[in-house]
PDB file of N, CA and C in Angstrom:
ATOM      1  N   MET A   1       0.883  -1.177   0.068  1.00  0.00           N
ATOM      2  CA  MET A   1      -0.048  -0.128  -0.029  1.00  0.00           C
ATOM      3  C   MET A   1       0.970   1.188  -0.008  1.00  0.00           C
ATOM      4  N   ARG A   2       0.483   2.320  -0.741  1.00  0.00           N
ATOM      5  CA  ARG A   2       1.320   3.542  -0.865  1.00  0.00           C
ATOM      6  C   ARG A   2       0.788   4.335   0.333  1.00  0.00           C
ATOM      7  N   LYS A   3       1.829   5.071   0.882  1.00  0.00           N
ATOM      8  CA  LYS A   3       1.486   6.016   1.963  1.00  0.00           C
ATOM      9  C   LYS A   3       1.328   7.372   1.377  1.00  0.00           C
ATOM     10  N   VAL A   4       0.227   8.113   1.674  1.00  0.00           N
ATOM     11  CA  VAL A   4      -0.118   9.409   1.222  1.00  0.00           C
ATOM     12  C   VAL A   4       0.286  10.413   2.322  1.00  0.00           C
ATOM     13  N   GLU A   5       1.072  11.408   2.058  1.00  0.00           N
ATOM     14  CA  GLU A   5       1.388  12.441   3.036  1.00  0.00           C
ATOM     15  C   GLU A   5       0.419  13.725   2.836  1.00  0.00           C
ATOM     16  N   VAL A   6      -0.234  14.213   3.898  1.00  0.00           N
ATOM     17  CA  VAL A   6      -1.030  15.385   3.760  1.00  0.00           C
ATOM     18  C   VAL A   6      -0.439  16.363   4.783  1.00  0.00           C
ATOM     19  N   VAL A   7      -0.146  17.615   4.249  1.00  0.00           N
ATOM     20  CA  VAL A   7       0.609  18.526   5.099  1.00  0.00           C
ATOM     21  C   VAL A   7      -0.211  19.878   5.257  1.00  0.00           C
ATOM     22  N   SER A   8       0.141  20.704   6.044  1.00  0.00           N
ATOM     23  CA  SER A   8      -0.380  22.088   6.050  1.00  0.00           C
ATOM     24  C   SER A   8      -0.026  22.837   4.747  1.00  0.00           C
ATOM     25  N   HIS A   9      -0.957  23.750   4.417  1.00  0.00           N
ATOM     26  CA  HIS A   9      -0.673  24.562   3.231  1.00  0.00           C
ATOM     27  C   HIS A   9       0.679  25.398   3.422  1.00  0.00           C
ATOM     28  N   LYS A  10       1.398  25.383   2.237  1.00  0.00           N
ATOM     29  CA  LYS A  10       2.695  26.083   2.085  1.00  0.00           C
ATOM     30  C   LYS A  10       2.484  27.206   0.985  1.00  0.00           C
ATOM     31  N   LYS A  11       2.844  28.453   1.511  1.00  0.00           N
ATOM     32  CA  LYS A  11       2.808  29.558   0.589  1.00  0.00           C
ATOM     33  C   LYS A  11       3.760  29.399  -0.737  1.00  0.00           C
ATOM     34  N   VAL A  12       4.682  28.512  -0.560  1.00  0.00           N
ATOM     35  CA  VAL A  12       5.574  28.332  -1.808  1.00  0.00           C
ATOM     36  C   VAL A  12       4.932  27.596  -2.799  1.00  0.00           C
ATOM     37  N   TRP A  13       3.871  26.941  -2.658  1.00  0.00           N
ATOM     38  CA  TRP A  13       3.195  26.167  -3.681  1.00  0.00           C
ATOM     39  C   TRP A  13       2.818  27.078  -4.976  1.00  0.00           C
ATOM     40  N   SER A  14       2.286  28.149  -4.514  1.00  0.00           N
ATOM     41  CA  SER A  14       1.866  29.182  -5.589  1.00  0.00           C
ATOM     42  C   SER A  14       3.032  29.635  -6.423  1.00  0.00           C
ATOM     43  N   LYS A  15       4.155  29.859  -5.793  1.00  0.00           N
ATOM     44  CA  LYS A  15       5.337  30.283  -6.475  1.00  0.00           C
ATOM     45  C   LYS A  15       5.875  29.124  -7.373  1.00  0.00           C
ATOM     46  N   LEU A  16       5.901  28.009  -6.792  1.00  0.00           N
ATOM     47  CA  LEU A  16       6.299  26.760  -7.615  1.00  0.00           C
ATOM     48  C   LEU A  16       5.426  26.614  -8.938  1.00  0.00           C
ATOM     49  N   PHE A  17       4.063  26.771  -8.746  1.00  0.00           N
ATOM     50  CA  PHE A  17       3.233  26.747  -9.899  1.00  0.00           C
ATOM     51  C   PHE A  17       3.589  27.843 -10.928  1.00  0.00           C
ATOM     52  N   GLN A  18       3.765  29.043 -10.365  1.00  0.00           N
ATOM     53  CA  GLN A  18       4.132  30.152 -11.337  1.00  0.00           C
ATOM     54  C   GLN A  18       5.432  29.858 -11.994  1.00  0.00           C
ATOM     55  N   ASN A  19       6.392  29.325 -11.407  1.00  0.00           N
ATOM     56  CA  ASN A  19       7.716  28.922 -12.080  1.00  0.00           C
ATOM     57  C   ASN A  19       7.481  27.899 -13.108  1.00  0.00           C
ATOM     58  N   GLU A  20       6.618  26.907 -12.803  1.00  0.00           N
ATOM     59  CA  GLU A  20       6.239  25.859 -13.819  1.00  0.00           C
ATOM     60  C   GLU A  20       5.547  26.545 -15.089  1.00  0.00           C
ATOM     61  N   CYS A  21       4.680  27.383 -14.816  1.00  0.00           N
ATOM     62  CA  CYS A  21       3.923  28.154 -15.978  1.00  0.00           C
ATOM     63  C   CYS A  21       5.010  28.792 -16.808  1.00  0.00           C
ATOM     64  N   LYS A  22       5.931  29.515 -16.218  1.00  0.00           N
ATOM     65  CA  LYS A  22       6.873  30.222 -16.942  1.00  0.00           C
ATOM     66  C   LYS A  22       7.608  29.326 -17.926  1.00  0.00           C
ATOM     67  N   ARG A  23       8.122  28.197 -17.203  1.00  0.00           N
ATOM     68  CA  ARG A  23       8.909  27.192 -18.034  1.00  0.00           C
ATOM     69  C   ARG A  23       7.958  26.619 -19.246  1.00  0.00           C
ATOM     70  N   LEU A  24       6.731  26.361 -18.963  1.00  0.00           N
ATOM     71  CA  LEU A  24       5.954  25.808 -20.159  1.00  0.00           C
ATOM     72  C   LEU A  24       5.701  26.881 -21.104  1.00  0.00           C
ATOM     73  N   GLN A  25       5.435  28.235 -20.646  1.00  0.00           N
ATOM     74  CA  GLN A  25       5.289  29.275 -21.678  1.00  0.00           C
ATOM     75  C   GLN A  25       6.497  29.527 -22.616  1.00  0.00           C
ATOM     76  N   ASP A  26       7.738  29.325 -21.995  1.00  0.00           N
ATOM     77  CA  ASP A  26       9.009  29.276 -22.727  1.00  0.00           C
ATOM     78  C   ASP A  26       9.017  28.272 -23.752  1.00  0.00           C
ATOM     79  N   ILE A  27       8.486  27.059 -23.421  1.00  0.00           N
ATOM     80  CA  ILE A  27       8.481  25.900 -24.447  1.00  0.00           C
ATOM     81  C   ILE A  27       7.430  26.097 -25.497  1.00  0.00           C
ATOM     82  N   PHE A  28       6.240  26.349 -25.118  1.00  0.00           N
ATOM     83  CA  PHE A  28       5.104  26.345 -26.013  1.00  0.00           C
ATOM     84  C   PHE A  28       4.684  27.634 -26.616  1.00  0.00           C
ATOM     85  N   GLY A  29       5.250  28.774 -26.004  1.00  0.00           N
ATOM     86  CA  GLY A  29       4.905  30.038 -26.509  1.00  0.00           C
ATOM     87  C   GLY A  29       3.423  30.324 -26.772  1.00  0.00           C
ATOM     88  N   HIS A  30       3.123  30.737 -28.026  1.00  0.00           N
ATOM     89  CA  HIS A  30       1.650  31.088 -28.441  1.00  0.00           C
ATOM     90  C   HIS A  30       0.831  29.993 -28.530  1.00  0.00           C
ATOM     91  N   GLN A  31       1.312  28.694 -28.533  1.00  0.00           N
ATOM     92  CA  GLN A  31       0.458  27.541 -28.626  1.00  0.00           C
ATOM     93  C   GLN A  31      -0.321  27.270 -27.331  1.00  0.00           C
ATOM     94  N   MET A  32       0.258  27.805 -26.344  1.00  0.00           N
ATOM     95  CA  MET A  32      -0.390  27.732 -24.990  1.00  0.00           C
ATOM     96  C   MET A  32      -1.370  28.880 -24.748  1.00  0.00           C
ATOM     97  N   ILE A  33      -2.604  28.542 -24.254  1.00  0.00           N
ATOM     98  CA  ILE A  33      -3.620  29.605 -24.146  1.00  0.00           C
ATOM     99  C   ILE A  33      -3.645  29.938 -22.637  1.00  0.00           C
ATOM    100  N   ASN A  34      -4.015  29.003 -21.722  1.00  0.00           N
ATOM    101  CA  ASN A  34      -4.047  29.278 -20.347  1.00  0.00           C
ATOM    102  C   ASN A  34      -3.506  28.036 -19.577  1.00  0.00           C
ATOM    103  N   LEU A  35      -3.065  28.419 -18.252  1.00  0.00           N
ATOM    104  CA  LEU A  35      -2.669  27.329 -17.283  1.00  0.00           C
ATOM    105  C   LEU A  35      -3.399  27.753 -15.984  1.00  0.00           C
ATOM    106  N   TYR A  36      -3.817  26.769 -15.240  1.00  0.00           N
ATOM    107  CA  TYR A  36      -4.545  26.929 -14.126  1.00  0.00           C
ATOM    108  C   TYR A  36      -3.937  26.098 -12.931  1.00  0.00           C
ATOM    109  N   HIS A  37      -3.848  26.619 -11.861  1.00  0.00           N
ATOM    110  CA  HIS A  37      -3.445  25.940 -10.569  1.00  0.00           C
ATOM    111  C   HIS A  37      -4.709  25.377 -10.010  1.00  0.00           C
ATOM    112  N   ILE A  38      -4.754  23.993 -10.112  1.00  0.00           N
ATOM    113  CA  ILE A  38      -5.885  23.327  -9.572  1.00  0.00           C
ATOM    114  C   ILE A  38      -5.501  22.303  -8.484  1.00  0.00           C
ATOM    115  N   GLY A  39      -6.488  21.770  -7.777  1.00  0.00           N
ATOM    116  CA  GLY A  39      -6.270  20.809  -6.810  1.00  0.00           C
ATOM    117  C   GLY A  39      -6.065  21.467  -5.400  1.00  0.00           C
ATOM    118  N   SER A  40      -5.826  20.577  -4.431  1.00  0.00           N
ATOM    119  CA  SER A  40      -5.798  21.060  -3.067  1.00  0.00           C
ATOM    120  C   SER A  40      -4.553  22.018  -2.808  1.00  0.00           C
ATOM    121  N   THR A  41      -3.466  21.950  -3.413  1.00  0.00           N
ATOM    122  CA  THR A  41      -2.399  22.950  -3.220  1.00  0.00           C
ATOM    123  C   THR A  41      -2.736  24.397  -3.671  1.00  0.00           C
ATOM    124  N   ALA A  42      -3.802  24.521  -4.404  1.00  0.00           N
ATOM    125  CA  ALA A  42      -4.227  25.774  -4.837  1.00  0.00           C
ATOM    126  C   ALA A  42      -5.159  26.490  -3.793  1.00  0.00           C
ATOM    127  N   ILE A  43      -5.451  25.760  -2.784  1.00  0.00           N
ATOM    128  CA  ILE A  43      -6.599  26.319  -1.821  1.00  0.00           C
ATOM    129  C   ILE A  43      -5.889  26.570  -0.564  1.00  0.00           C
ATOM    130  N   PRO A  44      -5.605  27.845  -0.185  1.00  0.00           N
ATOM    131  CA  PRO A  44      -4.852  28.249   0.987  1.00  0.00           C
ATOM    132  C   PRO A  44      -5.211  27.651   2.307  1.00  0.00           C
ATOM    133  N   ALA A  45      -6.576  27.469   2.570  1.00  0.00           N
ATOM    134  CA  ALA A  45      -7.136  27.187   3.842  1.00  0.00           C
ATOM    135  C   ALA A  45      -7.116  25.675   4.157  1.00  0.00           C
ATOM    136  N   ILE A  46      -6.739  24.801   3.282  1.00  0.00           N
ATOM    137  CA  ILE A  46      -6.811  23.374   3.615  1.00  0.00           C
ATOM    138  C   ILE A  46      -5.377  22.584   3.510  1.00  0.00           C
ATOM    139  N   HIS A  47      -5.432  21.483   4.091  1.00  0.00           N
ATOM    140  CA  HIS A  47      -4.294  20.601   4.088  1.00  0.00           C
ATOM    141  C   HIS A  47      -4.291  19.998   2.685  1.00  0.00           C
ATOM    142  N   ALA A  48      -3.001  19.538   2.302  1.00  0.00           N
ATOM    143  CA  ALA A  48      -2.995  18.974   1.004  1.00  0.00           C
ATOM    144  C   ALA A  48      -1.790  17.940   0.860  1.00  0.00           C
ATOM    145  N   LYS A  49      -1.868  17.202  -0.251  1.00  0.00           N
ATOM    146  CA  LYS A  49      -0.658  16.354  -0.594  1.00  0.00           C
ATOM    147  C   LYS A  49       0.238  17.384  -1.265  1.00  0.00           C
ATOM    148  N   PRO A  50       1.489  17.399  -1.002  1.00  0.00           N
ATOM    149  CA  PRO A  50       2.444  18.375  -1.436  1.00  0.00           C
ATOM    150  C   PRO A  50       2.842  18.063  -2.992  1.00  0.00           C
ATOM    151  N   VAL A  51       1.840  17.932  -3.912  1.00  0.00           N
ATOM    152  CA  VAL A  51       2.021  17.837  -5.212  1.00  0.00           C
ATOM    153  C   VAL A  51       1.286  18.849  -6.003  1.00  0.00           C
ATOM    154  N   ASN A  52       1.944  19.727  -6.780  1.00  0.00           N
ATOM    155  CA  ASN A  52       1.258  20.686  -7.622  1.00  0.00           C
ATOM    156  C   ASN A  52       0.600  20.058  -8.793  1.00  0.00           C
ATOM    157  N   ASP A  53      -0.619  20.322  -9.029  1.00  0.00           N
ATOM    158  CA  ASP A  53      -1.322  19.889 -10.189  1.00  0.00           C
ATOM    159  C   ASP A  53      -1.472  21.050 -11.202  1.00  0.00           C
ATOM    160  N   GLY A  54      -1.432  20.879 -12.344  1.00  0.00           N
ATOM    161  CA  GLY A  54      -1.537  21.867 -13.271  1.00  0.00           C
ATOM    162  C   GLY A  54      -2.413  21.556 -14.421  1.00  0.00           C
TER     163      GLY A  54
END
């Protein structure tokens, strides 16, 4: 069985997502329309698995 870690919200998750957006924009340029930070790491008031979903 796989162990799932759930932790308190970290402010750095938003910055990590922004950094990943920048990297993808550099790769795909105008082919990319929008990126959205989704999942529990996007919600500041809840605990989450420390994995950014995009």
